[in-house]
Amino acid sequence: MHVKDAMSTVVLTIGPAHTLRQAAQLMAARRIGAAVVLDNDNSGIGILTERDILNSLGAGENPDRETAQTHTTSDVVFAAPDWTLDDAADAMVRGGFRHLIVLNDHEPVGVVSVRDIIRCWSTTTERPAPERADAVPA
């Protein structure tokens, strides 16, 4: 399977001036863990994740004053739609992150998460049935 088969094509994009509270509200409403931050004036394409927001709150910062720009990861590893899921998982493990922005012709077309990959693998991989503790041998 490929990234294009697993990725979410409904991408939340926000600007660098969005507050962390605004970003969190938008992410929560869509039940997603990351937003693509488009900053055409400076860093280009970045990502803001639920972990970035959590780290800010944990540090005592005010989510109504902190902006996405301050907490966005701009050193992003991007995936291509034709990457295999193994390629995407390897990149996530090497980089220590859980989301990849998927680019096609330098434009974001999706986001793939660890959860997306696991969902695909769990429906395509044959697994033996778990042994039950109450099963009686035949």
N, C-alpha and C. Protein backbone atom coordinates (compact mmCIF):
# COMPACT_ATOMS: atom_id res chain seq x y z
N MET A 1 0.84 -1.19 0.00
CA MET A 1 0.00 0.00 0.00
C MET A 1 0.88 1.25 0.00
N HIS A 2 0.28 2.32 -0.46
CA HIS A 2 0.99 3.58 -0.58
C HIS A 2 0.37 4.66 0.31
N VAL A 3 1.14 5.71 0.51
CA VAL A 3 0.68 6.83 1.33
C VAL A 3 -0.65 7.36 0.82
N LYS A 4 -0.81 7.44 -0.50
CA LYS A 4 -2.06 7.97 -1.07
C LYS A 4 -3.27 7.14 -0.67
N ASP A 5 -3.06 5.87 -0.33
CA ASP A 5 -4.15 4.99 0.08
C ASP A 5 -4.54 5.19 1.54
N ALA A 6 -3.63 5.75 2.34
CA ALA A 6 -3.86 5.87 3.78
C ALA A 6 -4.10 7.29 4.24
N MET A 7 -3.61 8.26 3.49
CA MET A 7 -3.63 9.65 3.96
C MET A 7 -5.03 10.23 4.03
N SER A 8 -5.16 11.20 4.90
CA SER A 8 -6.37 12.00 4.96
C SER A 8 -6.22 13.11 3.95
N THR A 9 -7.21 13.27 3.09
CA THR A 9 -7.14 14.33 2.08
C THR A 9 -7.84 15.60 2.54
N VAL A 10 -8.49 15.54 3.67
CA VAL A 10 -9.10 16.73 4.26
C VAL A 10 -8.05 17.32 5.19
N VAL A 11 -7.36 18.34 4.70
CA VAL A 11 -6.23 18.92 5.41
C VAL A 11 -6.65 20.23 6.06
N LEU A 12 -6.41 20.34 7.35
CA LEU A 12 -6.64 21.59 8.04
C LEU A 12 -5.42 22.47 7.83
N THR A 13 -5.62 23.61 7.19
CA THR A 13 -4.53 24.56 7.01
C THR A 13 -4.86 25.81 7.80
N ILE A 14 -3.85 26.31 8.51
CA ILE A 14 -4.00 27.53 9.29
C ILE A 14 -2.85 28.45 8.95
N GLY A 15 -2.98 29.68 9.37
CA GLY A 15 -1.92 30.65 9.17
C GLY A 15 -1.05 30.78 10.40
N PRO A 16 0.09 31.40 10.27
CA PRO A 16 1.02 31.52 11.40
C PRO A 16 0.49 32.40 12.52
N ALA A 17 -0.49 33.27 12.24
CA ALA A 17 -1.02 34.17 13.26
C ALA A 17 -2.14 33.54 14.09
N HIS A 18 -2.62 32.36 13.72
CA HIS A 18 -3.63 31.69 14.54
C HIS A 18 -3.07 31.46 15.93
N THR A 19 -3.90 31.68 16.93
CA THR A 19 -3.46 31.38 18.30
C THR A 19 -3.51 29.87 18.51
N LEU A 20 -2.82 29.42 19.54
CA LEU A 20 -2.87 27.99 19.84
C LEU A 20 -4.28 27.56 20.22
N ARG A 21 -5.03 28.43 20.89
CA ARG A 21 -6.41 28.07 21.23
C ARG A 21 -7.24 27.89 19.95
N GLN A 22 -7.09 28.81 19.00
CA GLN A 22 -7.83 28.68 17.74
C GLN A 22 -7.44 27.39 17.02
N ALA A 23 -6.16 27.11 16.98
CA ALA A 23 -5.69 25.89 16.31
C ALA A 23 -6.26 24.66 17.02
N ALA A 24 -6.21 24.66 18.34
CA ALA A 24 -6.72 23.52 19.10
C ALA A 24 -8.22 23.33 18.87
N GLN A 25 -8.97 24.41 18.81
CA GLN A 25 -10.41 24.31 18.57
C GLN A 25 -10.70 23.73 17.19
N LEU A 26 -9.96 24.19 16.19
CA LEU A 26 -10.16 23.67 14.83
C LEU A 26 -9.77 22.19 14.74
N MET A 27 -8.66 21.83 15.37
CA MET A 27 -8.21 20.44 15.35
C MET A 27 -9.20 19.55 16.09
N ALA A 28 -9.69 20.01 17.24
CA ALA A 28 -10.65 19.21 18.02
C ALA A 28 -11.96 19.03 17.25
N ALA A 29 -12.42 20.08 16.58
CA ALA A 29 -13.68 19.98 15.82
C ALA A 29 -13.57 18.97 14.69
N ARG A 30 -12.38 18.81 14.14
CA ARG A 30 -12.17 17.87 13.03
C ARG A 30 -11.62 16.53 13.50
N ARG A 31 -11.36 16.43 14.80
CA ARG A 31 -10.84 15.19 15.40
C ARG A 31 -9.53 14.76 14.72
N ILE A 32 -8.61 15.74 14.59
CA ILE A 32 -7.31 15.46 13.98
C ILE A 32 -6.20 15.94 14.92
N GLY A 33 -5.02 15.43 14.72
CA GLY A 33 -3.91 15.72 15.61
C GLY A 33 -2.87 16.67 15.05
N ALA A 34 -3.11 17.23 13.86
CA ALA A 34 -2.11 18.12 13.27
C ALA A 34 -2.77 19.07 12.28
N ALA A 35 -2.17 20.25 12.18
CA ALA A 35 -2.61 21.24 11.20
C ALA A 35 -1.40 21.65 10.36
N VAL A 36 -1.62 21.86 9.09
CA VAL A 36 -0.58 22.36 8.21
C VAL A 36 -0.60 23.89 8.34
N VAL A 37 0.58 24.44 8.61
CA VAL A 37 0.70 25.89 8.76
C VAL A 37 1.34 26.44 7.49
N LEU A 38 0.57 27.28 6.79
CA LEU A 38 1.07 27.89 5.55
C LEU A 38 1.52 29.31 5.85
N ASP A 39 2.80 29.55 5.65
CA ASP A 39 3.39 30.86 5.89
C ASP A 39 4.14 31.26 4.62
N ASN A 40 3.42 31.83 3.68
CA ASN A 40 4.00 32.17 2.39
C ASN A 40 5.06 33.27 2.49
N ASP A 41 5.02 34.06 3.56
CA ASP A 41 5.98 35.15 3.71
C ASP A 41 7.31 34.70 4.28
N ASN A 42 7.32 33.63 5.05
CA ASN A 42 8.56 33.24 5.73
C ASN A 42 8.98 31.80 5.45
N SER A 43 8.51 30.90 6.29
CA SER A 43 9.05 29.54 6.28
C SER A 43 8.35 28.59 5.31
N GLY A 44 7.28 28.99 4.66
CA GLY A 44 6.61 28.10 3.72
C GLY A 44 5.61 27.20 4.42
N ILE A 45 5.84 25.89 4.37
CA ILE A 45 4.91 24.91 4.93
C ILE A 45 5.51 24.32 6.20
N GLY A 46 4.72 24.37 7.26
CA GLY A 46 5.12 23.76 8.53
C GLY A 46 3.97 22.94 9.08
N ILE A 47 4.18 22.38 10.27
CA ILE A 47 3.15 21.56 10.90
C ILE A 47 3.05 21.92 12.37
N LEU A 48 1.84 22.00 12.87
CA LEU A 48 1.56 22.21 14.28
C LEU A 48 0.79 21.00 14.75
N THR A 49 1.30 20.33 15.77
CA THR A 49 0.66 19.11 16.25
C THR A 49 0.08 19.31 17.64
N GLU A 50 -0.74 18.36 18.03
CA GLU A 50 -1.31 18.39 19.38
C GLU A 50 -0.21 18.38 20.43
N ARG A 51 0.90 17.74 20.16
CA ARG A 51 2.02 17.72 21.10
C ARG A 51 2.63 19.10 21.26
N ASP A 52 2.72 19.88 20.16
CA ASP A 52 3.22 21.25 20.24
C ASP A 52 2.35 22.10 21.16
N ILE A 53 1.05 21.94 21.04
CA ILE A 53 0.11 22.69 21.89
C ILE A 53 0.23 22.23 23.34
N LEU A 54 0.32 20.93 23.55
CA LEU A 54 0.46 20.37 24.89
C LEU A 54 1.74 20.87 25.56
N ASN A 55 2.85 20.89 24.82
CA ASN A 55 4.11 21.38 25.38
C ASN A 55 4.01 22.85 25.79
N SER A 56 3.33 23.65 24.99
CA SER A 56 3.15 25.06 25.33
C SER A 56 2.33 25.22 26.60
N LEU A 57 1.23 24.48 26.68
CA LEU A 57 0.39 24.55 27.88
C LEU A 57 1.15 24.06 29.11
N GLY A 58 1.90 22.99 28.94
CA GLY A 58 2.69 22.45 30.04
C GLY A 58 3.75 23.42 30.54
N ALA A 59 4.20 24.30 29.66
CA ALA A 59 5.20 25.30 30.03
C ALA A 59 4.55 26.55 30.64
N GLY A 60 3.22 26.52 30.77
CA GLY A 60 2.52 27.64 31.38
C GLY A 60 2.24 28.80 30.43
N GLU A 61 2.39 28.59 29.16
CA GLU A 61 2.15 29.66 28.19
C GLU A 61 0.65 29.84 27.95
N ASN A 62 0.27 31.04 27.58
CA ASN A 62 -1.13 31.40 27.38
C ASN A 62 -1.55 31.04 25.94
N PRO A 63 -2.49 30.12 25.78
CA PRO A 63 -2.88 29.71 24.42
C PRO A 63 -3.60 30.80 23.63
N ASP A 64 -4.04 31.86 24.32
CA ASP A 64 -4.67 32.98 23.62
C ASP A 64 -3.65 34.00 23.12
N ARG A 65 -2.41 33.91 23.59
CA ARG A 65 -1.36 34.82 23.15
C ARG A 65 -0.31 34.14 22.28
N GLU A 66 -0.11 32.85 22.50
CA GLU A 66 0.88 32.10 21.72
C GLU A 66 0.32 31.83 20.33
N THR A 67 1.17 31.99 19.32
CA THR A 67 0.71 31.79 17.94
C THR A 67 1.29 30.50 17.35
N ALA A 68 0.65 30.06 16.31
CA ALA A 68 1.12 28.86 15.61
C ALA A 68 2.54 29.06 15.12
N GLN A 69 2.86 30.25 14.67
CA GLN A 69 4.19 30.53 14.12
C GLN A 69 5.30 30.20 15.13
N THR A 70 5.07 30.49 16.39
CA THR A 70 6.07 30.27 17.43
C THR A 70 6.28 28.79 17.72
N HIS A 71 5.27 27.98 17.47
CA HIS A 71 5.32 26.57 17.86
C HIS A 71 5.31 25.60 16.68
N THR A 72 5.31 26.14 15.48
CA THR A 72 5.29 25.31 14.27
C THR A 72 6.65 24.68 14.02
N THR A 73 6.61 23.41 13.64
CA THR A 73 7.82 22.75 13.16
C THR A 73 7.99 23.10 11.69
N SER A 74 9.07 23.80 11.39
CA SER A 74 9.28 24.20 9.99
C SER A 74 10.30 23.31 9.30
N ASP A 75 11.05 22.53 10.07
CA ASP A 75 12.01 21.57 9.50
C ASP A 75 11.25 20.25 9.31
N VAL A 76 10.39 20.22 8.30
CA VAL A 76 9.43 19.15 8.10
C VAL A 76 9.96 18.12 7.10
N VAL A 77 9.68 16.86 7.38
CA VAL A 77 9.92 15.79 6.41
C VAL A 77 8.59 15.59 5.68
N PHE A 78 8.64 15.70 4.37
CA PHE A 78 7.44 15.55 3.56
C PHE A 78 7.42 14.17 2.91
N ALA A 79 6.22 13.66 2.68
CA ALA A 79 6.05 12.39 1.98
C ALA A 79 5.45 12.68 0.61
N ALA A 80 5.67 11.74 -0.29
CA ALA A 80 5.03 11.79 -1.61
C ALA A 80 3.90 10.77 -1.61
N PRO A 81 2.86 11.01 -2.39
CA PRO A 81 1.74 10.08 -2.42
C PRO A 81 2.13 8.66 -2.81
N ASP A 82 3.21 8.50 -3.59
CA ASP A 82 3.60 7.17 -4.05
C ASP A 82 4.59 6.47 -3.12
N TRP A 83 4.94 7.09 -1.99
CA TRP A 83 5.74 6.38 -0.99
C TRP A 83 4.97 5.16 -0.51
N THR A 84 5.68 4.12 -0.16
CA THR A 84 5.01 2.98 0.49
C THR A 84 4.74 3.35 1.94
N LEU A 85 3.82 2.63 2.55
CA LEU A 85 3.55 2.86 3.97
C LEU A 85 4.78 2.52 4.81
N ASP A 86 5.56 1.54 4.36
CA ASP A 86 6.82 1.22 5.04
C ASP A 86 7.77 2.42 5.01
N ASP A 87 7.88 3.09 3.86
CA ASP A 87 8.73 4.28 3.75
C ASP A 87 8.27 5.36 4.73
N ALA A 88 6.96 5.59 4.79
CA ALA A 88 6.42 6.61 5.69
C ALA A 88 6.67 6.25 7.15
N ALA A 89 6.43 4.99 7.50
CA ALA A 89 6.66 4.55 8.88
C ALA A 89 8.13 4.67 9.25
N ASP A 90 9.02 4.30 8.34
CA ASP A 90 10.46 4.43 8.60
C ASP A 90 10.84 5.89 8.84
N ALA A 91 10.30 6.80 8.04
CA ALA A 91 10.61 8.23 8.21
C ALA A 91 10.11 8.73 9.56
N MET A 92 8.94 8.27 9.98
CA MET A 92 8.39 8.68 11.27
C MET A 92 9.24 8.16 12.43
N VAL A 93 9.66 6.91 12.32
CA VAL A 93 10.50 6.34 13.38
C VAL A 93 11.83 7.07 13.45
N ARG A 94 12.46 7.29 12.31
CA ARG A 94 13.76 7.99 12.29
C ARG A 94 13.64 9.41 12.83
N GLY A 95 12.57 10.09 12.50
CA GLY A 95 12.40 11.48 12.91
C GLY A 95 11.74 11.67 14.26
N GLY A 96 11.12 10.61 14.79
CA GLY A 96 10.46 10.71 16.09
C GLY A 96 9.18 11.53 16.06
N PHE A 97 8.43 11.45 14.96
CA PHE A 97 7.17 12.18 14.86
C PHE A 97 6.08 11.25 14.37
N ARG A 98 4.82 11.74 14.43
CA ARG A 98 3.67 10.88 14.13
C ARG A 98 2.84 11.33 12.94
N HIS A 99 3.24 12.41 12.27
CA HIS A 99 2.50 12.93 11.12
C HIS A 99 3.46 13.32 10.01
N LEU A 100 3.04 13.08 8.79
CA LEU A 100 3.78 13.53 7.61
C LEU A 100 2.83 14.31 6.71
N ILE A 101 3.30 15.46 6.27
CA ILE A 101 2.54 16.21 5.26
C ILE A 101 2.87 15.58 3.91
N VAL A 102 1.83 15.33 3.13
CA VAL A 102 2.01 14.72 1.81
C VAL A 102 1.93 15.83 0.77
N LEU A 103 3.00 15.92 -0.03
CA LEU A 103 3.07 16.94 -1.08
C LEU A 103 2.98 16.31 -2.45
N ASN A 104 2.30 17.02 -3.35
CA ASN A 104 2.27 16.67 -4.76
C ASN A 104 2.50 17.97 -5.51
N ASP A 105 3.55 18.03 -6.30
CA ASP A 105 3.93 19.27 -7.01
C ASP A 105 4.07 20.44 -6.04
N HIS A 106 4.71 20.20 -4.90
CA HIS A 106 5.01 21.22 -3.89
C HIS A 106 3.78 21.77 -3.18
N GLU A 107 2.64 21.11 -3.33
CA GLU A 107 1.40 21.54 -2.67
C GLU A 107 0.94 20.45 -1.70
N PRO A 108 0.49 20.84 -0.49
CA PRO A 108 -0.02 19.82 0.44
C PRO A 108 -1.34 19.22 -0.08
N VAL A 109 -1.35 17.88 -0.19
CA VAL A 109 -2.55 17.18 -0.66
C VAL A 109 -3.10 16.23 0.39
N GLY A 110 -2.40 16.12 1.51
CA GLY A 110 -2.86 15.23 2.55
C GLY A 110 -1.92 15.20 3.73
N VAL A 111 -2.37 14.50 4.75
CA VAL A 111 -1.54 14.23 5.94
C VAL A 111 -1.72 12.76 6.24
N VAL A 112 -0.61 12.09 6.52
CA VAL A 112 -0.68 10.69 6.92
C VAL A 112 -0.13 10.59 8.33
N SER A 113 -0.83 9.85 9.17
CA SER A 113 -0.43 9.70 10.57
C SER A 113 -0.10 8.24 10.86
N VAL A 114 0.52 8.04 11.99
CA VAL A 114 0.79 6.67 12.44
C VAL A 114 -0.53 5.89 12.50
N ARG A 115 -1.56 6.53 13.00
CA ARG A 115 -2.87 5.86 13.10
C ARG A 115 -3.38 5.44 11.73
N ASP A 116 -3.20 6.28 10.71
CA ASP A 116 -3.63 5.93 9.35
C ASP A 116 -2.90 4.68 8.86
N ILE A 117 -1.60 4.64 9.12
CA ILE A 117 -0.79 3.50 8.67
C ILE A 117 -1.21 2.23 9.39
N ILE A 118 -1.38 2.32 10.69
CA ILE A 118 -1.80 1.14 11.46
C ILE A 118 -3.16 0.66 11.00
N ARG A 119 -4.06 1.58 10.73
CA ARG A 119 -5.40 1.21 10.25
C ARG A 119 -5.31 0.41 8.95
N CYS A 120 -4.46 0.85 8.04
CA CYS A 120 -4.29 0.13 6.77
C CYS A 120 -3.64 -1.23 6.99
N TRP A 121 -2.60 -1.25 7.78
CA TRP A 121 -1.91 -2.52 8.03
C TRP A 121 -2.81 -3.50 8.76
N SER A 122 -3.64 -3.02 9.68
CA SER A 122 -4.46 -3.96 10.45
C SER A 122 -5.58 -4.56 9.61
N THR A 123 -5.98 -3.89 8.54
CA THR A 123 -7.04 -4.45 7.70
C THR A 123 -6.50 -5.26 6.54
N THR A 124 -5.18 -5.19 6.29
CA THR A 124 -4.62 -5.93 5.16
C THR A 124 -3.73 -7.08 5.57
N THR A 125 -3.44 -7.19 6.84
CA THR A 125 -2.52 -8.22 7.31
C THR A 125 -3.30 -9.35 7.97
N GLU A 126 -3.01 -10.56 7.55
CA GLU A 126 -3.64 -11.72 8.19
C GLU A 126 -2.94 -11.97 9.50
N ARG A 127 -3.73 -12.09 10.54
CA ARG A 127 -3.18 -12.36 11.87
C ARG A 127 -3.89 -13.59 12.42
N PRO A 128 -3.15 -14.43 13.14
CA PRO A 128 -3.82 -15.56 13.77
C PRO A 128 -4.75 -15.07 14.87
N ALA A 129 -5.81 -15.78 15.07
CA ALA A 129 -6.75 -15.42 16.14
C ALA A 129 -6.05 -15.58 17.48
N PRO A 130 -6.29 -14.66 18.41
CA PRO A 130 -5.65 -14.78 19.73
C PRO A 130 -6.18 -16.01 20.47
N GLU A 131 -5.29 -16.60 21.24
CA GLU A 131 -5.72 -17.74 22.03
C GLU A 131 -6.56 -17.24 23.19
N ARG A 132 -7.63 -17.96 23.48
CA ARG A 132 -8.50 -17.59 24.58
C ARG A 132 -8.14 -18.44 25.79
N ALA A 133 -8.14 -17.79 26.92
CA ALA A 133 -7.79 -18.49 28.16
C ALA A 133 -8.83 -19.53 28.53
N ASP A 134 -10.08 -19.32 28.09
CA ASP A 134 -11.13 -20.26 28.46
C ASP A 134 -11.38 -21.33 27.39
N ALA A 135 -10.54 -21.37 26.38
CA ALA A 135 -10.73 -22.36 25.31
C ALA A 135 -10.36 -23.74 25.81
N VAL A 136 -11.14 -24.69 25.41
CA VAL A 136 -10.90 -26.09 25.79
C VAL A 136 -10.25 -26.79 24.61
N PRO A 137 -9.08 -27.42 24.82
CA PRO A 137 -8.44 -28.12 23.71
C PRO A 137 -9.33 -29.22 23.17
N ALA A 138 -9.29 -29.43 21.86
CA ALA A 138 -10.11 -30.46 21.21
C ALA A 138 -9.56 -31.84 21.42
